[in-house]
Every structure is written in structure tokens, then in C-alpha cells.
Amino acid sequence: GIYVPGGKAAYPSSVIMNAMPAHVAGVKEIIMTV
């Protein structure tokens, strides 16, 4: 699970930095909450 701040503190870069290494590692499911 990756937690991403929302509202005024919106960080698309945090999505990439958290999800991409999980994807590279072979994680089958990446669940995001925002």
C-alpha cells in the first residue's frame, strides 16, 4: 500500500517514487490511498 498526500499537498512525484520500485521488484498488487 502506498499512502499519498492529497488536497493542497499533492505530490505526483511521491506516487512515482513509491510505486515504481515496488513495480520493479515484482509486486503484483500496488494499492494506493489518497
Full PDB file with SEQRES, HELIX, SHEET, SSBOND, CRYST1, ORIGX, SCALE, CONECT and MASTER records, all heavy atoms in Angstrom:
SEQRES   1 A   34  GLY ILE TYR VAL PRO GLY GLY LYS ALA ALA TYR PRO SER          
SEQRES   2 A   34  SER VAL ILE MET ASN ALA MET PRO ALA HIS VAL ALA GLY          
SEQRES   3 A   34  VAL LYS GLU ILE ILE MET THR VAL                              
HELIX    1 AA1 PRO A   12  ALA A   25  1                                  14    
SHEET    1 AA1 2 ILE A   2  TYR A   3  0                                        
SHEET    2 AA1 2 MET A  32  THR A  33  1                                        
CRYST1    1.000    1.000    1.000  90.00  90.00  90.00 P 1           1          
ORIGX1      1.000000  0.000000  0.000000        0.00000                         
ORIGX2      0.000000  1.000000  0.000000        0.00000                         
ORIGX3      0.000000  0.000000  1.000000        0.00000                         
SCALE1      1.000000  0.000000  0.000000        0.00000                         
SCALE2      0.000000  1.000000  0.000000        0.00000                         
SCALE3      0.000000  0.000000  1.000000        0.00000                         
ATOM      1  N   GLY A   1       0.842  -1.189   0.000  1.00  0.00           N  
ATOM      2  CA  GLY A   1       0.000   0.000   0.000  1.00  0.00           C  
ATOM      3  C   GLY A   1       0.875   1.236   0.000  1.00  0.00           C  
ATOM      4  O   GLY A   1       1.846   1.311   0.764  1.00  0.00           O  
ATOM      5  N   ILE A   2       0.560   2.184  -0.846  1.00  0.00           N  
ATOM      6  CA  ILE A   2       1.294   3.443  -0.823  1.00  0.00           C  
ATOM      7  C   ILE A   2       0.339   4.564  -0.435  1.00  0.00           C  
ATOM      8  O   ILE A   2      -0.766   4.673  -0.958  1.00  0.00           O  
ATOM      9  CB  ILE A   2       2.006   3.737  -2.161  1.00  0.00           C  
ATOM     10  CG1 ILE A   2       1.020   3.875  -3.322  1.00  0.00           C  
ATOM     11  CG2 ILE A   2       3.017   2.653  -2.477  1.00  0.00           C  
ATOM     12  CD1 ILE A   2       1.681   4.358  -4.602  1.00  0.00           C  
ATOM     13  N   TYR A   3       0.774   5.350   0.534  1.00  0.00           N  
ATOM     14  CA  TYR A   3      -0.028   6.475   1.008  1.00  0.00           C  
ATOM     15  C   TYR A   3       0.486   7.736   0.315  1.00  0.00           C  
ATOM     16  O   TYR A   3       1.683   8.019   0.335  1.00  0.00           O  
ATOM     17  CB  TYR A   3       0.074   6.637   2.523  1.00  0.00           C  
ATOM     18  CG  TYR A   3      -0.843   7.714   3.047  1.00  0.00           C  
ATOM     19  CD1 TYR A   3      -2.094   7.394   3.555  1.00  0.00           C  
ATOM     20  CD2 TYR A   3      -0.477   9.055   2.989  1.00  0.00           C  
ATOM     21  CE1 TYR A   3      -2.956   8.381   4.001  1.00  0.00           C  
ATOM     22  CE2 TYR A   3      -1.338  10.051   3.423  1.00  0.00           C  
ATOM     23  CZ  TYR A   3      -2.575   9.710   3.934  1.00  0.00           C  
ATOM     24  OH  TYR A   3      -3.428  10.695   4.367  1.00  0.00           O  
ATOM     25  N   VAL A   4      -0.424   8.485  -0.284  1.00  0.00           N  
ATOM     26  CA  VAL A   4      -0.057   9.707  -0.998  1.00  0.00           C  
ATOM     27  C   VAL A   4      -0.879  10.857  -0.426  1.00  0.00           C  
ATOM     28  O   VAL A   4      -2.110  10.754  -0.346  1.00  0.00           O  
ATOM     29  CB  VAL A   4      -0.326   9.558  -2.510  1.00  0.00           C  
ATOM     30  CG1 VAL A   4       0.003  10.867  -3.239  1.00  0.00           C  
ATOM     31  CG2 VAL A   4       0.495   8.409  -3.082  1.00  0.00           C  
ATOM     32  N   PRO A   5      -0.239  11.948  -0.002  1.00  0.00           N  
ATOM     33  CA  PRO A   5      -0.999  13.099   0.496  1.00  0.00           C  
ATOM     34  C   PRO A   5      -1.906  13.659  -0.590  1.00  0.00           C  
ATOM     35  O   PRO A   5      -1.620  13.537  -1.785  1.00  0.00           O  
ATOM     36  CB  PRO A   5       0.098  14.111   0.867  1.00  0.00           C  
ATOM     37  CG  PRO A   5       1.325  13.289   1.070  1.00  0.00           C  
ATOM     38  CD  PRO A   5       1.210  12.148   0.092  1.00  0.00           C  
ATOM     39  N   GLY A   6      -2.997  14.279  -0.167  1.00  0.00           N  
ATOM     40  CA  GLY A   6      -3.934  14.861  -1.128  1.00  0.00           C  
ATOM     41  C   GLY A   6      -4.251  16.297  -0.778  1.00  0.00           C  
ATOM     42  O   GLY A   6      -3.657  16.885   0.122  1.00  0.00           O  
ATOM     43  N   GLY A   7      -5.193  16.870  -1.472  1.00  0.00           N  
ATOM     44  CA  GLY A   7      -5.573  18.261  -1.222  1.00  0.00           C  
ATOM     45  C   GLY A   7      -4.485  19.217  -1.665  1.00  0.00           C  
ATOM     46  O   GLY A   7      -3.899  19.080  -2.734  1.00  0.00           O  
ATOM     47  N   LYS A   8      -4.164  20.195  -0.803  1.00  0.00           N  
ATOM     48  CA  LYS A   8      -3.131  21.170  -1.137  1.00  0.00           C  
ATOM     49  C   LYS A   8      -1.772  20.503  -1.289  1.00  0.00           C  
ATOM     50  O   LYS A   8      -0.942  20.909  -2.093  1.00  0.00           O  
ATOM     51  CB  LYS A   8      -3.071  22.252  -0.056  1.00  0.00           C  
ATOM     52  CG  LYS A   8      -4.295  23.155  -0.008  1.00  0.00           C  
ATOM     53  CD  LYS A   8      -4.145  24.222   1.068  1.00  0.00           C  
ATOM     54  CE  LYS A   8      -5.361  25.127   1.115  1.00  0.00           C  
ATOM     55  NZ  LYS A   8      -5.243  26.160   2.183  1.00  0.00           N  
ATOM     56  N   ALA A   9      -1.513  19.491  -0.466  1.00  0.00           N  
ATOM     57  CA  ALA A   9      -0.233  18.785  -0.531  1.00  0.00           C  
ATOM     58  C   ALA A   9      -0.369  17.617  -1.496  1.00  0.00           C  
ATOM     59  O   ALA A   9      -0.566  16.477  -1.098  1.00  0.00           O  
ATOM     60  CB  ALA A   9       0.168  18.287   0.863  1.00  0.00           C  
ATOM     61  N   ALA A  10      -0.334  17.927  -2.786  1.00  0.00           N  
ATOM     62  CA  ALA A  10      -0.489  16.894  -3.808  1.00  0.00           C  
ATOM     63  C   ALA A  10       0.863  16.643  -4.466  1.00  0.00           C  
ATOM     64  O   ALA A  10       1.441  17.561  -5.060  1.00  0.00           O  
ATOM     65  CB  ALA A  10      -1.510  17.351  -4.842  1.00  0.00           C  
ATOM     66  N   TYR A  11       1.353  15.428  -4.342  1.00  0.00           N  
ATOM     67  CA  TYR A  11       2.713  15.123  -4.797  1.00  0.00           C  
ATOM     68  C   TYR A  11       2.730  13.952  -5.775  1.00  0.00           C  
ATOM     69  O   TYR A  11       2.902  12.798  -5.374  1.00  0.00           O  
ATOM     70  CB  TYR A  11       3.611  14.810  -3.604  1.00  0.00           C  
ATOM     71  CG  TYR A  11       3.750  15.939  -2.613  1.00  0.00           C  
ATOM     72  CD1 TYR A  11       3.295  15.801  -1.302  1.00  0.00           C  
ATOM     73  CD2 TYR A  11       4.320  17.146  -2.993  1.00  0.00           C  
ATOM     74  CE1 TYR A  11       3.424  16.830  -0.391  1.00  0.00           C  
ATOM     75  CE2 TYR A  11       4.448  18.188  -2.091  1.00  0.00           C  
ATOM     76  CZ  TYR A  11       4.003  18.028  -0.785  1.00  0.00           C  
ATOM     77  OH  TYR A  11       4.128  19.057   0.104  1.00  0.00           O  
ATOM     78  N   PRO A  12       2.576  14.209  -7.076  1.00  0.00           N  
ATOM     79  CA  PRO A  12       2.678  13.122  -8.042  1.00  0.00           C  
ATOM     80  C   PRO A  12       4.044  12.445  -8.007  1.00  0.00           C  
ATOM     81  O   PRO A  12       4.166  11.256  -8.294  1.00  0.00           O  
ATOM     82  CB  PRO A  12       2.424  13.814  -9.389  1.00  0.00           C  
ATOM     83  CG  PRO A  12       2.649  15.272  -9.144  1.00  0.00           C  
ATOM     84  CD  PRO A  12       2.269  15.501  -7.724  1.00  0.00           C  
ATOM     85  N   SER A  13       5.077  13.204  -7.644  1.00  0.00           N  
ATOM     86  CA  SER A  13       6.411  12.612  -7.567  1.00  0.00           C  
ATOM     87  C   SER A  13       6.472  11.515  -6.517  1.00  0.00           C  
ATOM     88  O   SER A  13       7.178  10.512  -6.685  1.00  0.00           O  
ATOM     89  CB  SER A  13       7.456  13.688  -7.254  1.00  0.00           C  
ATOM     90  OG  SER A  13       7.152  14.356  -6.043  1.00  0.00           O  
ATOM     91  N   SER A  14       5.718  11.672  -5.423  1.00  0.00           N  
ATOM     92  CA  SER A  14       5.698  10.640  -4.382  1.00  0.00           C  
ATOM     93  C   SER A  14       5.056   9.351  -4.879  1.00  0.00           C  
ATOM     94  O   SER A  14       5.439   8.257  -4.472  1.00  0.00           O  
ATOM     95  CB  SER A  14       4.939  11.138  -3.145  1.00  0.00           C  
ATOM     96  OG  SER A  14       5.708  12.090  -2.441  1.00  0.00           O  
ATOM     97  N   VAL A  15       4.079   9.490  -5.768  1.00  0.00           N  
ATOM     98  CA  VAL A  15       3.454   8.298  -6.354  1.00  0.00           C  
ATOM     99  C   VAL A  15       4.505   7.498  -7.114  1.00  0.00           C  
ATOM    100  O   VAL A  15       4.654   6.286  -6.925  1.00  0.00           O  
ATOM    101  CB  VAL A  15       2.306   8.691  -7.305  1.00  0.00           C  
ATOM    102  CG1 VAL A  15       1.692   7.434  -7.918  1.00  0.00           C  
ATOM    103  CG2 VAL A  15       1.245   9.497  -6.575  1.00  0.00           C  
ATOM    104  N   ILE A  16       5.251   8.177  -7.968  1.00  0.00           N  
ATOM    105  CA  ILE A  16       6.264   7.501  -8.782  1.00  0.00           C  
ATOM    106  C   ILE A  16       7.348   6.898  -7.910  1.00  0.00           C  
ATOM    107  O   ILE A  16       7.762   5.743  -8.104  1.00  0.00           O  
ATOM    108  CB  ILE A  16       6.872   8.497  -9.796  1.00  0.00           C  
ATOM    109  CG1 ILE A  16       5.811   8.870 -10.845  1.00  0.00           C  
ATOM    110  CG2 ILE A  16       8.107   7.917 -10.468  1.00  0.00           C  
ATOM    111  CD1 ILE A  16       6.224   9.990 -11.771  1.00  0.00           C  
ATOM    112  N   MET A  17       7.816   7.641  -6.901  1.00  0.00           N  
ATOM    113  CA  MET A  17       8.923   7.175  -6.062  1.00  0.00           C  
ATOM    114  C   MET A  17       8.535   5.983  -5.189  1.00  0.00           C  
ATOM    115  O   MET A  17       9.382   5.161  -4.851  1.00  0.00           O  
ATOM    116  CB  MET A  17       9.417   8.315  -5.174  1.00  0.00           C  
ATOM    117  CG  MET A  17      10.072   9.451  -5.928  1.00  0.00           C  
ATOM    118  SD  MET A  17      11.617   8.940  -6.714  1.00  0.00           S  
ATOM    119  CE  MET A  17      12.097  10.479  -7.528  1.00  0.00           C  
ATOM    120  N   ASN A  18       7.269   5.871  -4.827  1.00  0.00           N  
ATOM    121  CA  ASN A  18       6.828   4.751  -4.001  1.00  0.00           C  
ATOM    122  C   ASN A  18       6.378   3.557  -4.830  1.00  0.00           C  
ATOM    123  O   ASN A  18       6.658   2.409  -4.491  1.00  0.00           O  
ATOM    124  CB  ASN A  18       5.703   5.188  -3.062  1.00  0.00           C  
ATOM    125  CG  ASN A  18       6.207   5.962  -1.870  1.00  0.00           C  
ATOM    126  OD1 ASN A  18       6.576   5.394  -0.850  1.00  0.00           O  
ATOM    127  ND2 ASN A  18       6.261   7.282  -2.004  1.00  0.00           N  
ATOM    128  N   ALA A  19       5.687   3.829  -5.923  1.00  0.00           N  
ATOM    129  CA  ALA A  19       5.126   2.730  -6.714  1.00  0.00           C  
ATOM    130  C   ALA A  19       6.145   2.075  -7.638  1.00  0.00           C  
ATOM    131  O   ALA A  19       6.123   0.859  -7.825  1.00  0.00           O  
ATOM    132  CB  ALA A  19       3.937   3.233  -7.531  1.00  0.00           C  
ATOM    133  N   MET A  20       7.029   2.858  -8.229  1.00  0.00           N  
ATOM    134  CA  MET A  20       7.923   2.312  -9.248  1.00  0.00           C  
ATOM    135  C   MET A  20       8.878   1.238  -8.703  1.00  0.00           C  
ATOM    136  O   MET A  20       9.042   0.183  -9.336  1.00  0.00           O  
ATOM    137  CB  MET A  20       8.698   3.426  -9.942  1.00  0.00           C  
ATOM    138  CG  MET A  20       9.363   2.973 -11.235  1.00  0.00           C  
ATOM    139  SD  MET A  20       8.192   2.185 -12.390  1.00  0.00           S  
ATOM    140  CE  MET A  20       7.289   3.607 -12.993  1.00  0.00           C  
ATOM    141  N   PRO A  21       9.528   1.452  -7.547  1.00  0.00           N  
ATOM    142  CA  PRO A  21      10.386   0.368  -7.046  1.00  0.00           C  
ATOM    143  C   PRO A  21       9.600  -0.885  -6.688  1.00  0.00           C  
ATOM    144  O   PRO A  21      10.122  -2.001  -6.827  1.00  0.00           O  
ATOM    145  CB  PRO A  21      11.071   0.975  -5.815  1.00  0.00           C  
ATOM    146  CG  PRO A  21      10.282   2.166  -5.456  1.00  0.00           C  
ATOM    147  CD  PRO A  21       9.680   2.672  -6.733  1.00  0.00           C  
ATOM    148  N   ALA A  22       8.358  -0.731  -6.247  1.00  0.00           N  
ATOM    149  CA  ALA A  22       7.521  -1.902  -5.971  1.00  0.00           C  
ATOM    150  C   ALA A  22       7.228  -2.645  -7.264  1.00  0.00           C  
ATOM    151  O   ALA A  22       7.283  -3.886  -7.330  1.00  0.00           O  
ATOM    152  CB  ALA A  22       6.219  -1.482  -5.292  1.00  0.00           C  
ATOM    153  N   HIS A  23       6.933  -1.887  -8.306  1.00  0.00           N  
ATOM    154  CA  HIS A  23       6.672  -2.472  -9.625  1.00  0.00           C  
ATOM    155  C   HIS A  23       7.911  -3.212 -10.129  1.00  0.00           C  
ATOM    156  O   HIS A  23       7.823  -4.349 -10.609  1.00  0.00           O  
ATOM    157  CB  HIS A  23       6.276  -1.361 -10.597  1.00  0.00           C  
ATOM    158  CG  HIS A  23       6.026  -1.807 -11.991  1.00  0.00           C  
ATOM    159  ND1 HIS A  23       4.911  -2.526 -12.363  1.00  0.00           N  
ATOM    160  CD2 HIS A  23       6.759  -1.650 -13.124  1.00  0.00           C  
ATOM    161  CE1 HIS A  23       4.973  -2.787 -13.651  1.00  0.00           C  
ATOM    162  NE2 HIS A  23       6.090  -2.262 -14.143  1.00  0.00           N  
ATOM    163  N   VAL A  24       9.076  -2.588 -10.001  1.00  0.00           N  
ATOM    164  CA  VAL A  24      10.331  -3.200 -10.439  1.00  0.00           C  
ATOM    165  C   VAL A  24      10.620  -4.473  -9.654  1.00  0.00           C  
ATOM    166  O   VAL A  24      11.107  -5.471 -10.204  1.00  0.00           O  
ATOM    167  CB  VAL A  24      11.497  -2.200 -10.293  1.00  0.00           C  
ATOM    168  CG1 VAL A  24      12.846  -2.896 -10.484  1.00  0.00           C  
ATOM    169  CG2 VAL A  24      11.346  -1.063 -11.298  1.00  0.00           C  
ATOM    170  N   ALA A  25      10.298  -4.468  -8.362  1.00  0.00           N  
ATOM    171  CA  ALA A  25      10.557  -5.634  -7.515  1.00  0.00           C  
ATOM    172  C   ALA A  25       9.679  -6.829  -7.876  1.00  0.00           C  
ATOM    173  O   ALA A  25       9.985  -7.965  -7.508  1.00  0.00           O  
ATOM    174  CB  ALA A  25      10.345  -5.272  -6.048  1.00  0.00           C  
ATOM    175  N   GLY A  26       8.582  -6.576  -8.596  1.00  0.00           N  
ATOM    176  CA  GLY A  26       7.689  -7.661  -8.986  1.00  0.00           C  
ATOM    177  C   GLY A  26       6.451  -7.780  -8.132  1.00  0.00           C  
ATOM    178  O   GLY A  26       5.755  -8.807  -8.172  1.00  0.00           O  
ATOM    179  N   VAL A  27       6.140  -6.738  -7.339  1.00  0.00           N  
ATOM    180  CA  VAL A  27       4.924  -6.749  -6.525  1.00  0.00           C  
ATOM    181  C   VAL A  27       3.712  -6.810  -7.444  1.00  0.00           C  
ATOM    182  O   VAL A  27       3.587  -6.026  -8.388  1.00  0.00           O  
ATOM    183  CB  VAL A  27       4.862  -5.498  -5.629  1.00  0.00           C  
ATOM    184  CG1 VAL A  27       3.544  -5.452  -4.852  1.00  0.00           C  
ATOM    185  CG2 VAL A  27       6.048  -5.466  -4.667  1.00  0.00           C  
ATOM    186  N   LYS A  28       2.806  -7.746  -7.171  1.00  0.00           N  
ATOM    187  CA  LYS A  28       1.668  -7.965  -8.066  1.00  0.00           C  
ATOM    188  C   LYS A  28       0.564  -6.930  -7.895  1.00  0.00           C  
ATOM    189  O   LYS A  28      -0.103  -6.558  -8.855  1.00  0.00           O  
ATOM    190  CB  LYS A  28       1.101  -9.373  -7.849  1.00  0.00           C  
ATOM    191  CG  LYS A  28       2.049 -10.485  -8.279  1.00  0.00           C  
ATOM    192  CD  LYS A  28       1.455 -11.857  -8.004  1.00  0.00           C  
ATOM    193  CE  LYS A  28       2.416 -12.967  -8.421  1.00  0.00           C  
ATOM    194  NZ  LYS A  28       1.899 -14.317  -8.095  1.00  0.00           N  
ATOM    195  N   GLU A  29       0.344  -6.485  -6.653  1.00  0.00           N  
ATOM    196  CA  GLU A  29      -0.724  -5.517  -6.400  1.00  0.00           C  
ATOM    197  C   GLU A  29      -0.175  -4.309  -5.661  1.00  0.00           C  
ATOM    198  O   GLU A  29       0.432  -4.451  -4.600  1.00  0.00           O  
ATOM    199  CB  GLU A  29      -1.841  -6.144  -5.565  1.00  0.00           C  
ATOM    200  CG  GLU A  29      -2.724  -7.126  -6.298  1.00  0.00           C  
ATOM    201  CD  GLU A  29      -3.897  -7.536  -5.425  1.00  0.00           C  
ATOM    202  OE1 GLU A  29      -4.841  -6.735  -5.283  1.00  0.00           O  
ATOM    203  OE2 GLU A  29      -3.858  -8.653  -4.875  1.00  0.00           O  
ATOM    204  N   ILE A  30      -0.384  -3.133  -6.237  1.00  0.00           N  
ATOM    205  CA  ILE A  30       0.012  -1.884  -5.596  1.00  0.00           C  
ATOM    206  C   ILE A  30      -1.250  -1.080  -5.348  1.00  0.00           C  
ATOM    207  O   ILE A  30      -1.894  -0.589  -6.285  1.00  0.00           O  
ATOM    208  CB  ILE A  30       0.993  -1.094  -6.489  1.00  0.00           C  
ATOM    209  CG1 ILE A  30       2.230  -1.948  -6.821  1.00  0.00           C  
ATOM    210  CG2 ILE A  30       1.417   0.198  -5.790  1.00  0.00           C  
ATOM    211  CD1 ILE A  30       3.166  -1.307  -7.825  1.00  0.00           C  
ATOM    212  N   ILE A  31      -1.639  -0.983  -4.083  1.00  0.00           N  
ATOM    213  CA  ILE A  31      -2.871  -0.298  -3.686  1.00  0.00           C  
ATOM    214  C   ILE A  31      -2.511   1.093  -3.178  1.00  0.00           C  
ATOM    215  O   ILE A  31      -1.672   1.235  -2.294  1.00  0.00           O  
ATOM    216  CB  ILE A  31      -3.602  -1.072  -2.568  1.00  0.00           C  
ATOM    217  CG1 ILE A  31      -3.816  -2.536  -2.954  1.00  0.00           C  
ATOM    218  CG2 ILE A  31      -4.919  -0.385  -2.227  1.00  0.00           C  
ATOM    219  CD1 ILE A  31      -4.675  -2.746  -4.168  1.00  0.00           C  
ATOM    220  N   MET A  32      -3.120   2.104  -3.737  1.00  0.00           N  
ATOM    221  CA  MET A  32      -2.818   3.480  -3.335  1.00  0.00           C  
ATOM    222  C   MET A  32      -4.007   4.103  -2.623  1.00  0.00           C  
ATOM    223  O   MET A  32      -5.151   3.917  -3.026  1.00  0.00           O  
ATOM    224  CB  MET A  32      -2.464   4.311  -4.576  1.00  0.00           C  
ATOM    225  CG  MET A  32      -2.060   5.748  -4.290  1.00  0.00           C  
ATOM    226  SD  MET A  32      -1.503   6.580  -5.809  1.00  0.00           S  
ATOM    227  CE  MET A  32      -2.811   7.795  -6.025  1.00  0.00           C  
ATOM    228  N   THR A  33      -3.716   4.835  -1.559  1.00  0.00           N  
ATOM    229  CA  THR A  33      -4.753   5.631  -0.904  1.00  0.00           C  
ATOM    230  C   THR A  33      -4.350   7.097  -1.001  1.00  0.00           C  
ATOM    231  O   THR A  33      -3.188   7.450  -0.828  1.00  0.00           O  
ATOM    232  CB  THR A  33      -4.941   5.252   0.577  1.00  0.00           C  
ATOM    233  OG1 THR A  33      -3.722   5.497   1.301  1.00  0.00           O  
ATOM    234  CG2 THR A  33      -5.336   3.791   0.724  1.00  0.00           C  
ATOM    235  N   VAL A  34      -5.320   7.944  -1.303  1.00  0.00           N  
ATOM    236  CA  VAL A  34      -5.070   9.379  -1.391  1.00  0.00           C  
ATOM    237  C   VAL A  34      -6.337  10.106  -0.972  1.00  0.00           C  
ATOM    238  O   VAL A  34      -7.414   9.845  -1.504  1.00  0.00           O  
ATOM    239  CB  VAL A  34      -4.641   9.789  -2.823  1.00  0.00           C  
ATOM    240  CG1 VAL A  34      -5.662   9.362  -3.868  1.00  0.00           C  
ATOM    241  CG2 VAL A  34      -4.368  11.288  -2.897  1.00  0.00           C  
TER     242      VAL A  34                                                      
MASTER        0    0    0    1    2    0    0    6  241    1    0    3          
END                                                                             
